[in-house]
Amino acid sequence: MNAPQKNRLEHWADSKPDAVALIDGERRLSWRQWNEQADRLAQALVERGFGPDDVFAARLLNRLEWALLYAALAKIGCALVGVNWRLTPSEINHILASAKATGFVCDDAEPAALKPAFAGVALKRALSVQAEADGFEPFAELLRAEPVPRIASAYPKLIVFTSGTTGAPKGVVTGQVNPKAAEDLPDYLEAMRAAKPDGAQPAHEVVLVTMPMHHSAGPNIVRRGMDAGSTMVLMQRFDAEEALRLIDRYRVTSWNGVPTMFKRIAALPPEVLARYDVSSIRALSVGAAPVPWPLKQWIMDYFGECLREGYGATEVGMVTAMPPHMQKRKPGSSGKPYKGVRISIRDGAGRELPPGEVGEIWVRTPHTISSYLSADAAGPDTIDADGYFRMGDVGYLDADGYLFITDRSKDLIISGGVNIYPAEIEAVLCRHPAIQDVAVIGIPNDEFGEEVKAFCELKPGCSVDERELLRFAAGSLASYKRPKSIEFVAELPRNTMGKVLKRELRDPYWKNKERKI
């Protein structure tokens, strides 16, 4: 998507050169410094043979160097692909090969360990931010180039690889225009702009950036900050109390997070929560995973009634919005679709269901993909002939058009022929005061096919045993929905977006079984 003419990095470097643009720990960059260093980096990349046909892969935490690279790639027209810093060399190799990456940068402490990821990949250059290693050029060396002023005509094309719940991750070129809904694009973009918080003064915004840069969320937050001329506070690794300290110290006005981040803040001792002033927050957004209603209530009690929720996916962009005034009117909802978005709830045979009936969620937006990167067009079980994408979620639309998501379709448990939705069980168990988070899966049962098992993460300093927790659940769950076993874990496995990796919990139980659900 093109950068607005009046809001580019170069504009702010001219109009408010000494204002702080980026904060990373004790490091700061003004708009002029950001632009000048991006010009240096862009020139260095051009001298090393990079141009508009190149794809640069970045395995970086939320740091100044990522922002410099993003701006430099915009100036020379390269595409950017994010690489999750948790991936192994073989997983990285799949991404580099699929994206046809020609450049790579990392901030690993031991870059040499990543060299196997480059096998068969035609890299022009590999860069290291932190440590020296054979085969890697120091990132700082490129910043010594003479700055040649360049003006970006567009933001870098962003390639995002899905987290891959099954099989290898698939690449998505974000911002594609769905030919089946191209006429809806102007209304959709206008609706996105209109969804900004009431009374916001973008040029005076201070944005806390905690979403990862290998996902679309992190880069999009930075892009919006560049559009608005906001100050952006980058947090390399999320820590609950540190987030509150940054909000207090820099008077943060806007923050996008995932439910796990807020759960960890809510679990802090009362005296820690009382230590920090968070009254500067005017817009708080949460997404990427379902948000339990008790957590929403806690967020609104602590931060104020500024909670916004969004539902979307890499393959379709944003689908619905849930602004603050809707939260208590429609508790449990993910909001209403943006203008230009169509939602279809379908049964197993693909028939559209009426309001109130639960089924699979199919979505069409102006940004719905037609295919994944380096792949043929997706089949009709993923994208239908009318441009609707199968989200993999289960839910319903109410009579007022609000979307309610009840579960992931792949997480459905079928026990004795009865459908059981884990999200319902998880919501009940999360109400217990000792529980921080829950993941419910189906495990093999010779008689019923599957039985319910729960994995529970305790709040710090709290305890509860299996018997007590089952008694607690008995008042809210029918007997067939209650877990047959509960396992307490120090921490649930999650990806960097905070989504629980149920596959890692499920796989040991289904090993050597004919079916995997």
Protein backbone atom coordinates (compact mmCIF):
# COMPACT_ATOMS: atom_id res chain seq x y z
CA MET A 1 0.00 0.00 0.00
CA ASN A 2 1.44 3.41 -0.91
CA ALA A 3 2.65 5.73 1.80
CA PRO A 4 0.50 8.89 1.92
CA GLN A 5 2.38 11.75 0.23
CA LYS A 6 2.18 14.08 3.26
CA ASN A 7 3.07 11.49 5.89
CA ARG A 8 6.21 9.78 4.65
CA LEU A 9 9.35 9.49 6.75
CA GLU A 10 10.93 12.18 4.57
CA HIS A 11 8.07 14.57 5.36
CA TRP A 12 8.50 14.27 9.12
CA ALA A 13 12.28 14.57 8.75
CA ASP A 14 11.63 17.95 7.11
CA SER A 15 8.71 19.20 9.21
CA LYS A 16 9.83 18.11 12.71
CA PRO A 17 13.40 16.88 12.33
CA ASP A 18 14.36 16.90 16.01
CA ALA A 19 11.22 15.23 17.39
CA VAL A 20 11.76 11.74 18.76
CA ALA A 21 10.56 9.09 16.32
CA LEU A 22 11.91 5.86 17.83
CA ILE A 23 12.87 4.69 21.31
CA ASP A 24 14.63 1.36 21.90
CA GLY A 25 15.77 1.01 25.50
CA GLU A 26 18.08 3.97 26.07
CA ARG A 27 18.61 4.50 22.32
CA ARG A 28 16.62 7.16 20.48
CA LEU A 29 16.34 8.38 16.92
CA SER A 30 14.80 11.63 15.76
CA TRP A 31 12.94 11.77 12.47
CA ARG A 32 15.96 13.41 10.82
CA GLN A 33 18.32 10.74 12.20
CA TRP A 34 16.02 7.93 11.12
CA ASN A 35 15.79 9.33 7.59
CA GLU A 36 19.52 10.02 7.30
CA GLN A 37 20.54 6.57 8.54
CA ALA A 38 17.96 4.96 6.24
CA ASP A 39 19.52 6.89 3.34
CA ARG A 40 22.95 5.56 4.37
CA LEU A 41 21.66 1.99 4.58
CA ALA A 42 19.80 2.27 1.26
CA GLN A 43 22.96 3.51 -0.46
CA ALA A 44 25.02 0.69 1.05
CA LEU A 45 22.49 -1.88 -0.15
CA VAL A 46 22.49 -0.41 -3.68
CA GLU A 47 26.30 -0.57 -3.69
CA ARG A 48 25.99 -4.27 -2.79
CA GLY A 49 23.69 -4.94 -5.73
CA PHE A 50 20.22 -4.69 -4.18
CA GLY A 51 17.31 -3.18 -6.08
CA PRO A 52 13.53 -3.39 -6.67
CA ASP A 53 13.57 -7.08 -7.64
CA ASP A 54 15.13 -8.19 -4.35
CA VAL A 55 13.57 -9.68 -1.22
CA PHE A 56 15.27 -9.05 2.11
CA ALA A 57 14.64 -11.42 5.02
CA ALA A 58 14.80 -10.02 8.55
CA ARG A 59 15.13 -12.15 11.68
CA LEU A 60 15.08 -9.27 14.13
CA LEU A 61 13.47 -8.34 17.40
CA ASN A 62 11.63 -5.01 17.75
CA ARG A 63 14.66 -2.76 17.54
CA LEU A 64 16.00 0.35 15.81
CA GLU A 65 17.80 -1.72 13.19
CA TRP A 66 14.51 -3.21 12.00
CA ALA A 67 13.05 0.29 11.54
CA LEU A 68 16.16 1.41 9.65
CA LEU A 69 15.95 -1.60 7.34
CA TYR A 70 12.22 -1.08 6.75
CA ALA A 71 12.77 2.54 5.74
CA ALA A 72 15.81 1.74 3.59
CA LEU A 73 13.98 -1.01 1.70
CA ALA A 74 11.14 1.45 1.04
CA LYS A 75 13.63 3.87 -0.49
CA ILE A 76 15.03 1.31 -2.96
CA GLY A 77 11.84 -0.71 -3.58
CA CYS A 78 12.84 -4.07 -2.06
CA ALA A 79 10.33 -6.45 -0.52
CA LEU A 80 10.59 -7.55 3.12
CA VAL A 81 9.95 -11.01 4.55
CA GLY A 82 9.86 -11.55 8.30
CA VAL A 83 11.55 -14.55 9.89
CA ASN A 84 10.43 -15.75 13.31
CA TRP A 85 13.43 -15.71 15.67
CA ARG A 86 12.32 -19.07 17.12
CA LEU A 87 12.67 -20.98 13.86
CA THR A 88 15.36 -23.58 13.21
CA PRO A 89 17.76 -23.33 10.25
CA SER A 90 15.75 -25.88 8.24
CA GLU A 91 12.54 -23.91 8.84
CA ILE A 92 14.30 -20.68 7.87
CA ASN A 93 15.60 -22.33 4.71
CA HIS A 94 12.03 -23.12 3.65
CA ILE A 95 11.07 -19.45 4.04
CA LEU A 96 14.14 -18.08 2.26
CA ALA A 97 13.68 -20.48 -0.64
CA SER A 98 9.92 -19.90 -0.95
CA ALA A 99 10.30 -16.11 -0.84
CA LYS A 100 13.36 -16.18 -3.15
CA ALA A 101 15.21 -14.05 -0.62
CA THR A 102 18.47 -12.42 -1.72
CA GLY A 103 19.33 -10.66 1.54
CA PHE A 104 19.29 -11.71 5.18
CA VAL A 105 19.83 -9.95 8.49
CA CYS A 106 19.69 -11.29 12.04
CA ASP A 107 20.42 -10.17 15.59
CA ASP A 108 21.29 -13.64 16.92
CA ALA A 109 24.09 -13.95 19.46
CA GLU A 110 25.58 -16.78 17.33
CA PRO A 111 24.83 -16.00 13.67
CA ALA A 112 27.07 -18.81 12.39
CA ALA A 113 24.53 -21.35 13.67
CA LEU A 114 22.13 -20.09 10.98
CA LYS A 115 24.43 -20.74 8.01
CA PRO A 116 22.74 -24.10 7.16
CA ALA A 117 19.60 -22.05 6.46
CA PHE A 118 21.32 -20.57 3.40
CA ALA A 119 21.79 -23.88 1.57
CA GLY A 120 20.53 -23.56 -2.00
CA VAL A 121 19.52 -19.92 -1.50
CA ALA A 122 21.08 -17.26 -3.74
CA LEU A 123 21.89 -14.67 -1.08
CA LYS A 124 23.76 -11.57 -2.14
CA ARG A 125 24.56 -10.62 1.44
CA ALA A 126 23.96 -11.76 5.03
CA LEU A 127 24.17 -9.15 7.79
CA SER A 128 24.56 -9.45 11.56
CA VAL A 129 23.43 -6.76 13.98
CA GLN A 130 25.03 -7.95 17.21
CA ALA A 131 27.83 -10.48 16.78
CA GLU A 132 30.58 -10.94 14.22
CA ALA A 133 30.61 -14.20 12.31
CA ASP A 134 32.22 -15.64 9.20
CA GLY A 135 29.97 -15.01 6.20
CA PHE A 136 28.08 -12.15 7.87
CA GLU A 137 28.83 -8.47 7.32
CA PRO A 138 28.31 -6.20 10.36
CA PHE A 139 25.09 -4.22 9.99
CA ALA A 140 26.84 -1.17 11.46
CA GLU A 141 29.33 -1.22 8.58
CA LEU A 142 26.57 -0.35 6.12
CA LEU A 143 25.57 2.69 8.15
CA ARG A 144 28.99 4.23 7.35
CA ALA A 145 28.00 4.73 3.70
CA GLU A 146 27.57 8.27 2.45
CA PRO A 147 23.88 9.21 2.66
CA VAL A 148 22.28 9.71 -0.75
CA PRO A 149 18.84 11.33 -0.27
CA ARG A 150 16.04 9.13 -1.54
CA ILE A 151 12.26 9.50 -1.29
CA ALA A 152 10.20 6.34 -0.86
CA SER A 153 7.24 6.03 -3.22
CA ALA A 154 5.69 3.15 -1.26
CA TYR A 155 6.21 1.01 1.79
CA PRO A 156 8.07 -2.26 1.23
CA LYS A 157 5.96 -5.10 -0.09
CA LEU A 158 5.49 -7.27 2.98
CA ILE A 159 5.65 -11.07 2.79
CA VAL A 160 4.35 -12.91 5.85
CA PHE A 161 4.52 -16.64 6.49
CA THR A 162 1.58 -18.13 8.32
CA SER A 163 2.36 -19.87 11.59
CA GLY A 164 1.56 -23.22 10.03
CA THR A 165 -0.67 -25.25 12.33
CA THR A 166 -0.27 -28.12 9.88
CA GLY A 167 2.45 -28.63 7.31
CA ALA A 168 5.04 -26.05 6.34
CA PRO A 169 4.25 -22.34 6.74
CA LYS A 170 2.86 -20.68 3.63
CA GLY A 171 3.88 -17.25 2.38
CA VAL A 172 1.37 -14.46 1.89
CA VAL A 173 2.06 -11.25 0.01
CA THR A 174 -0.04 -8.83 2.05
CA GLY A 175 -2.11 -6.06 0.54
CA GLN A 176 -3.28 -8.05 -2.48
CA VAL A 177 -6.51 -6.82 -4.05
CA ASN A 178 -9.23 -9.46 -4.34
CA PRO A 179 -10.62 -9.19 -7.89
CA LYS A 180 -13.98 -10.45 -6.61
CA ALA A 181 -14.22 -7.49 -4.22
CA ALA A 182 -12.10 -4.78 -5.85
CA GLU A 183 -15.09 -2.42 -6.00
CA ASP A 184 -15.29 -2.55 -2.19
CA LEU A 185 -11.69 -1.39 -1.64
CA PRO A 186 -12.36 2.39 -1.31
CA ASP A 187 -15.13 1.82 1.25
CA TYR A 188 -12.97 -0.68 3.12
CA LEU A 189 -9.98 1.66 3.37
CA GLU A 190 -12.19 4.55 4.45
CA ALA A 191 -13.80 2.37 7.13
CA MET A 192 -10.34 1.41 8.43
CA ARG A 193 -9.35 5.08 8.65
CA ALA A 194 -12.63 6.00 10.34
CA ALA A 195 -12.03 3.32 13.00
CA LYS A 196 -9.25 5.37 14.61
CA PRO A 197 -9.96 6.39 18.23
CA ASP A 198 -12.21 9.42 18.65
CA GLY A 199 -10.32 12.56 19.55
CA ALA A 200 -6.91 11.09 18.74
CA GLN A 201 -4.16 13.53 17.83
CA PRO A 202 -1.89 11.32 15.70
CA ALA A 203 1.13 13.62 15.67
CA HIS A 204 1.14 13.56 19.48
CA GLU A 205 0.61 9.83 19.82
CA VAL A 206 3.12 7.67 21.65
CA VAL A 207 2.82 4.08 20.48
CA LEU A 208 4.12 1.05 22.37
CA VAL A 209 5.24 -1.58 19.84
CA THR A 210 5.24 -5.12 21.25
CA MET A 211 3.85 -7.11 18.30
CA PRO A 212 6.53 -9.11 16.45
CA MET A 213 7.99 -7.95 13.17
CA HIS A 214 7.79 -11.35 11.46
CA HIS A 215 3.98 -11.02 11.58
CA SER A 216 1.95 -8.42 9.70
CA ALA A 217 0.87 -6.74 12.95
CA GLY A 218 4.26 -5.32 13.97
CA PRO A 219 5.15 -3.75 10.59
CA ASN A 220 1.63 -2.36 10.20
CA ILE A 221 1.85 -0.64 13.59
CA VAL A 222 5.17 0.94 12.58
CA ARG A 223 3.72 1.94 9.21
CA ARG A 224 0.78 3.68 10.90
CA GLY A 225 3.23 5.43 13.21
CA MET A 226 5.21 6.64 10.21
CA ASP A 227 2.01 7.87 8.58
CA ALA A 228 0.97 9.79 11.69
CA GLY A 229 4.35 11.08 12.82
CA SER A 230 3.95 9.31 16.16
CA THR A 231 6.69 8.47 18.63
CA MET A 232 7.20 4.69 18.71
CA VAL A 233 8.55 2.88 21.77
CA LEU A 234 9.99 -0.48 20.68
CA MET A 235 9.99 -3.37 23.13
CA GLN A 236 12.39 -6.10 22.06
CA ARG A 237 10.98 -8.81 24.34
CA PHE A 238 7.71 -8.53 26.20
CA ASP A 239 7.82 -8.29 29.99
CA ALA A 240 4.63 -7.44 31.86
CA GLU A 241 6.01 -5.00 34.42
CA GLU A 242 8.40 -3.44 31.91
CA ALA A 243 5.43 -2.69 29.64
CA LEU A 244 3.75 -0.79 32.48
CA ARG A 245 6.99 1.06 33.20
CA LEU A 246 7.27 2.16 29.57
CA ILE A 247 3.64 3.29 29.48
CA ASP A 248 4.23 5.35 32.64
CA ARG A 249 7.63 6.77 31.62
CA TYR A 250 6.76 7.81 28.07
CA ARG A 251 3.04 8.52 28.59
CA VAL A 252 2.08 5.96 25.96
CA THR A 253 -1.28 6.70 24.35
CA SER A 254 -1.74 3.65 22.12
CA TRP A 255 -0.86 -0.03 22.43
CA ASN A 256 -1.71 -3.15 20.40
CA GLY A 257 -1.22 -6.46 22.22
CA VAL A 258 -2.31 -10.08 22.32
CA PRO A 259 -4.36 -11.69 25.12
CA THR A 260 -1.32 -13.42 26.66
CA MET A 261 0.34 -10.05 27.28
CA PHE A 262 -2.68 -8.74 29.15
CA LYS A 263 -3.07 -11.98 31.09
CA ARG A 264 0.50 -11.60 32.32
CA ILE A 265 -0.12 -8.03 33.39
CA ALA A 266 -3.33 -9.02 35.16
CA ALA A 267 -1.37 -11.67 37.09
CA LEU A 268 1.05 -9.11 38.56
CA PRO A 269 0.71 -8.46 42.32
CA PRO A 270 -1.69 -5.60 43.21
CA GLU A 271 1.15 -3.50 44.62
CA VAL A 272 2.98 -3.71 41.26
CA LEU A 273 -0.13 -2.76 39.31
CA ALA A 274 -0.65 0.24 41.59
CA ARG A 275 2.93 1.42 41.09
CA TYR A 276 2.44 2.66 37.54
CA ASP A 277 0.29 5.42 36.03
CA VAL A 278 -1.39 4.08 32.87
CA SER A 279 -3.94 6.89 32.55
CA SER A 280 -2.27 8.18 29.36
CA ILE A 281 -3.63 5.22 27.37
CA ARG A 282 -6.40 6.34 25.01
CA ALA A 283 -6.52 3.38 22.64
CA LEU A 284 -5.84 -0.21 23.62
CA SER A 285 -6.22 -2.91 20.96
CA VAL A 286 -6.14 -6.64 21.44
CA GLY A 287 -6.32 -9.35 18.82
CA ALA A 288 -4.65 -12.41 17.22
CA ALA A 289 -6.48 -14.78 19.59
CA PRO A 290 -9.86 -14.94 21.35
CA VAL A 291 -10.19 -12.66 24.39
CA PRO A 292 -12.16 -14.13 27.33
CA TRP A 293 -14.82 -11.77 28.66
CA PRO A 294 -13.37 -11.77 32.24
CA LEU A 295 -10.06 -10.58 30.79
CA LYS A 296 -11.82 -7.84 28.84
CA GLN A 297 -13.52 -6.70 32.05
CA TRP A 298 -10.19 -6.59 33.87
CA ILE A 299 -8.56 -4.59 31.05
CA MET A 300 -11.36 -2.02 31.13
CA ASP A 301 -11.19 -1.75 34.92
CA TYR A 302 -7.42 -1.20 34.94
CA PHE A 303 -6.75 0.79 31.75
CA GLY A 304 -10.14 2.46 31.34
CA GLU A 305 -12.83 1.91 28.74
CA CYS A 306 -10.55 2.28 25.75
CA LEU A 307 -10.46 -1.36 24.65
CA ARG A 308 -10.68 -2.12 20.95
CA GLU A 309 -10.72 -5.61 19.52
CA GLY A 310 -10.09 -6.76 15.99
CA TYR A 311 -10.56 -10.00 14.10
CA GLY A 312 -8.69 -10.83 10.95
CA ALA A 313 -6.03 -13.01 9.35
CA THR A 314 -2.92 -12.61 7.23
CA GLU A 315 -4.81 -13.99 4.23
CA VAL A 316 -7.69 -11.49 4.40
CA GLY A 317 -6.57 -8.48 6.44
CA MET A 318 -8.91 -7.06 9.07
CA VAL A 319 -12.47 -8.36 9.14
CA THR A 320 -14.29 -6.90 12.14
CA ALA A 321 -13.85 -4.14 14.69
CA MET A 322 -15.11 -4.00 18.27
CA PRO A 323 -14.73 -0.41 19.58
CA PRO A 324 -15.07 0.47 23.28
CA HIS A 325 -18.77 1.37 23.18
CA MET A 326 -19.65 -2.11 21.87
CA GLN A 327 -17.76 -4.08 24.52
CA LYS A 328 -20.49 -4.13 27.18
CA ARG A 329 -23.34 -3.99 24.70
CA LYS A 330 -22.23 -7.24 23.03
CA PRO A 331 -19.94 -9.05 25.47
CA GLY A 332 -18.17 -11.97 23.87
CA SER A 333 -18.53 -10.59 20.34
CA SER A 334 -15.65 -9.81 17.98
CA GLY A 335 -17.59 -6.85 16.61
CA LYS A 336 -19.13 -5.90 13.30
CA PRO A 337 -17.51 -6.30 9.88
CA TYR A 338 -15.86 -3.31 8.27
CA LYS A 339 -17.65 -1.82 5.31
CA GLY A 340 -16.67 -3.80 2.23
CA VAL A 341 -16.35 -7.07 4.18
CA ARG A 342 -18.71 -10.01 3.68
CA ILE A 343 -19.07 -12.82 6.24
CA SER A 344 -20.76 -16.12 5.46
CA ILE A 345 -21.51 -18.76 8.11
CA ARG A 346 -21.74 -22.22 6.51
CA ASP A 347 -22.52 -25.77 7.53
CA GLY A 348 -20.38 -28.78 6.66
CA ALA A 349 -21.98 -29.04 3.23
CA GLY A 350 -21.20 -25.40 2.40
CA ARG A 351 -24.79 -24.14 2.84
CA GLU A 352 -25.15 -20.66 4.33
CA LEU A 353 -26.70 -20.62 7.78
CA PRO A 354 -29.15 -18.05 9.19
CA PRO A 355 -28.28 -15.67 12.07
CA GLY A 356 -27.78 -17.40 15.39
CA GLU A 357 -26.68 -20.75 13.97
CA VAL A 358 -23.09 -21.89 14.51
CA GLY A 359 -20.99 -22.90 11.52
CA GLU A 360 -17.68 -22.36 9.78
CA ILE A 361 -16.72 -18.75 9.10
CA TRP A 362 -15.97 -17.76 5.49
CA VAL A 363 -14.86 -14.19 4.75
CA ARG A 364 -14.42 -12.00 1.69
CA THR A 365 -12.53 -8.72 1.94
CA PRO A 366 -10.91 -6.50 -0.69
CA HIS A 367 -7.55 -7.93 0.46
CA THR A 368 -8.40 -11.65 0.37
CA ILE A 369 -5.57 -13.56 -1.30
CA SER A 370 -6.08 -15.68 -4.40
CA SER A 371 -3.07 -17.91 -3.73
CA TYR A 372 -0.14 -18.42 -1.43
CA LEU A 373 3.39 -17.48 -2.42
CA SER A 374 5.02 -19.81 -4.97
CA ALA A 375 1.88 -21.91 -5.12
CA ASP A 376 -1.04 -22.51 -7.39
CA ALA A 377 -4.35 -20.87 -6.61
CA ALA A 378 -5.83 -22.27 -3.40
CA GLY A 379 -8.52 -24.91 -3.87
CA PRO A 380 -12.26 -24.38 -3.33
CA ASP A 381 -11.99 -25.83 0.19
CA THR A 382 -9.86 -22.76 1.06
CA ILE A 383 -11.04 -20.01 -1.34
CA ASP A 384 -14.31 -20.42 -3.19
CA ALA A 385 -15.30 -19.16 -6.62
CA ASP A 386 -16.78 -15.96 -5.15
CA GLY A 387 -13.54 -14.99 -3.39
CA TYR A 388 -14.50 -16.12 0.13
CA PHE A 389 -11.70 -17.47 2.34
CA ARG A 390 -12.25 -20.27 4.84
CA MET A 391 -11.01 -18.84 8.13
CA GLY A 392 -10.78 -22.12 10.06
CA ASP A 393 -12.93 -20.65 12.82
CA VAL A 394 -16.37 -21.62 14.04
CA GLY A 395 -18.95 -19.03 15.05
CA TYR A 396 -22.17 -17.22 14.24
CA LEU A 397 -23.65 -13.85 13.34
CA ASP A 398 -26.38 -12.55 15.60
CA ALA A 399 -29.50 -10.75 14.41
CA ASP A 400 -27.69 -7.38 14.63
CA GLY A 401 -24.79 -8.51 12.46
CA TYR A 402 -22.22 -8.98 15.25
CA LEU A 403 -19.77 -11.83 14.84
CA PHE A 404 -19.25 -14.32 17.67
CA ILE A 405 -16.34 -16.76 17.40
CA THR A 406 -16.86 -19.94 19.37
CA ASP A 407 -13.76 -21.96 18.43
CA ARG A 408 -11.26 -23.10 15.84
CA SER A 409 -12.75 -25.76 13.57
CA LYS A 410 -9.62 -27.90 13.82
CA ASP A 411 -9.85 -27.84 17.65
CA LEU A 412 -13.31 -29.39 17.66
CA ILE A 413 -13.53 -32.47 19.91
CA ILE A 414 -15.96 -35.23 18.91
CA SER A 415 -16.70 -37.55 21.82
CA GLY A 416 -19.32 -40.24 21.37
CA GLY A 417 -20.61 -38.43 18.29
CA VAL A 418 -21.15 -35.18 20.20
CA ASN A 419 -19.37 -31.96 19.23
CA ILE A 420 -17.47 -30.30 22.09
CA TYR A 421 -15.95 -26.84 21.68
CA PRO A 422 -12.74 -26.37 23.73
CA ALA A 423 -13.15 -22.59 23.94
CA GLU A 424 -16.28 -23.01 26.06
CA ILE A 425 -14.42 -25.23 28.54
CA GLU A 426 -11.38 -22.93 28.56
CA ALA A 427 -13.54 -19.92 29.36
CA VAL A 428 -15.05 -21.70 32.39
CA LEU A 429 -11.73 -22.89 33.80
CA CYS A 430 -10.18 -19.43 33.32
CA ARG A 431 -12.73 -17.99 35.73
CA HIS A 432 -11.03 -19.78 38.62
CA PRO A 433 -8.92 -17.19 40.51
CA ALA A 434 -5.80 -19.40 40.45
CA ILE A 435 -5.82 -20.01 36.68
CA GLN A 436 -3.91 -17.77 34.27
CA ASP A 437 -4.50 -19.67 31.03
CA VAL A 438 -5.96 -22.93 29.75
CA ALA A 439 -5.68 -25.09 26.65
CA VAL A 440 -8.20 -27.89 26.09
CA ILE A 441 -7.60 -30.69 23.57
CA GLY A 442 -9.08 -34.04 22.63
CA ILE A 443 -7.03 -37.16 23.32
CA PRO A 444 -7.75 -40.76 22.21
CA ASN A 445 -10.47 -42.73 23.96
CA ASP A 446 -11.16 -46.28 22.82
CA GLU A 447 -14.87 -46.09 23.65
CA PHE A 448 -15.82 -42.55 22.67
CA GLY A 449 -13.14 -41.71 20.11
CA GLU A 450 -11.92 -38.68 22.05
CA GLU A 451 -12.00 -37.42 25.61
CA VAL A 452 -11.42 -33.94 27.00
CA LYS A 453 -8.07 -33.07 28.55
CA ALA A 454 -7.12 -29.65 29.95
CA PHE A 455 -3.69 -28.10 30.40
CA CYS A 456 -3.68 -25.29 32.97
CA GLU A 457 -1.16 -22.53 33.63
CA LEU A 458 -1.34 -21.12 37.17
CA LYS A 459 -0.99 -17.50 38.17
CA PRO A 460 2.26 -16.79 40.04
CA GLY A 461 1.94 -17.69 43.72
CA CYS A 462 -1.39 -19.50 43.29
CA SER A 463 -2.30 -23.15 43.61
CA VAL A 464 -5.27 -25.43 42.96
CA ASP A 465 -5.53 -29.19 42.52
CA GLU A 466 -7.34 -31.19 39.86
CA ARG A 467 -10.21 -32.21 42.14
CA GLU A 468 -10.98 -28.64 43.21
CA LEU A 469 -10.85 -27.35 39.64
CA LEU A 470 -13.20 -30.08 38.41
CA ARG A 471 -15.65 -29.22 41.19
CA PHE A 472 -15.44 -25.59 40.12
CA ALA A 473 -16.22 -26.51 36.49
CA ALA A 474 -19.10 -28.80 37.41
CA GLY A 475 -21.40 -25.87 38.07
CA SER A 476 -21.02 -24.51 34.55
CA LEU A 477 -20.33 -27.48 32.28
CA ALA A 478 -22.40 -30.50 31.38
CA SER A 479 -20.77 -33.76 32.42
CA TYR A 480 -19.74 -34.71 28.88
CA LYS A 481 -17.86 -31.42 28.49
CA ARG A 482 -15.88 -31.66 31.72
CA PRO A 483 -12.20 -32.61 31.40
CA LYS A 484 -11.46 -36.22 32.20
CA SER A 485 -7.98 -35.13 33.24
CA ILE A 486 -6.19 -31.90 34.05
CA GLU A 487 -2.45 -31.33 33.78
CA PHE A 488 -0.76 -28.30 35.33
CA VAL A 489 2.14 -26.81 33.35
CA ALA A 490 4.59 -24.03 34.10
CA GLU A 491 3.84 -22.42 30.76
CA LEU A 492 1.72 -23.35 27.76
CA PRO A 493 3.59 -23.56 24.43
CA ARG A 494 2.94 -20.44 22.37
CA ASN A 495 4.14 -18.83 19.19
CA THR A 496 5.44 -15.28 19.24
CA MET A 497 1.94 -13.90 18.65
CA GLY A 498 0.82 -15.49 21.91
CA LYS A 499 -1.29 -18.20 20.30
CA VAL A 500 -1.21 -21.49 22.18
CA LEU A 501 0.33 -24.23 20.06
CA LYS A 502 -2.21 -26.96 20.70
CA ARG A 503 -0.51 -29.18 18.15
CA GLU A 504 2.46 -29.51 20.51
CA LEU A 505 0.12 -30.57 23.31
CA ARG A 506 -1.90 -32.91 21.09
CA ASP A 507 0.82 -34.68 19.07
CA PRO A 508 2.23 -36.96 21.82
CA TYR A 509 -1.22 -38.46 22.41
CA TRP A 510 -1.96 -39.12 18.74
CA LYS A 511 1.44 -40.52 17.80
CA ASN A 512 1.06 -43.74 15.81
CA LYS A 513 -2.70 -43.24 15.61
CA GLU A 514 -4.52 -43.43 12.27
CA ARG A 515 -6.36 -40.18 12.92
CA LYS A 516 -4.79 -36.97 14.19
CA ILE A 517 -7.79 -35.14 15.62
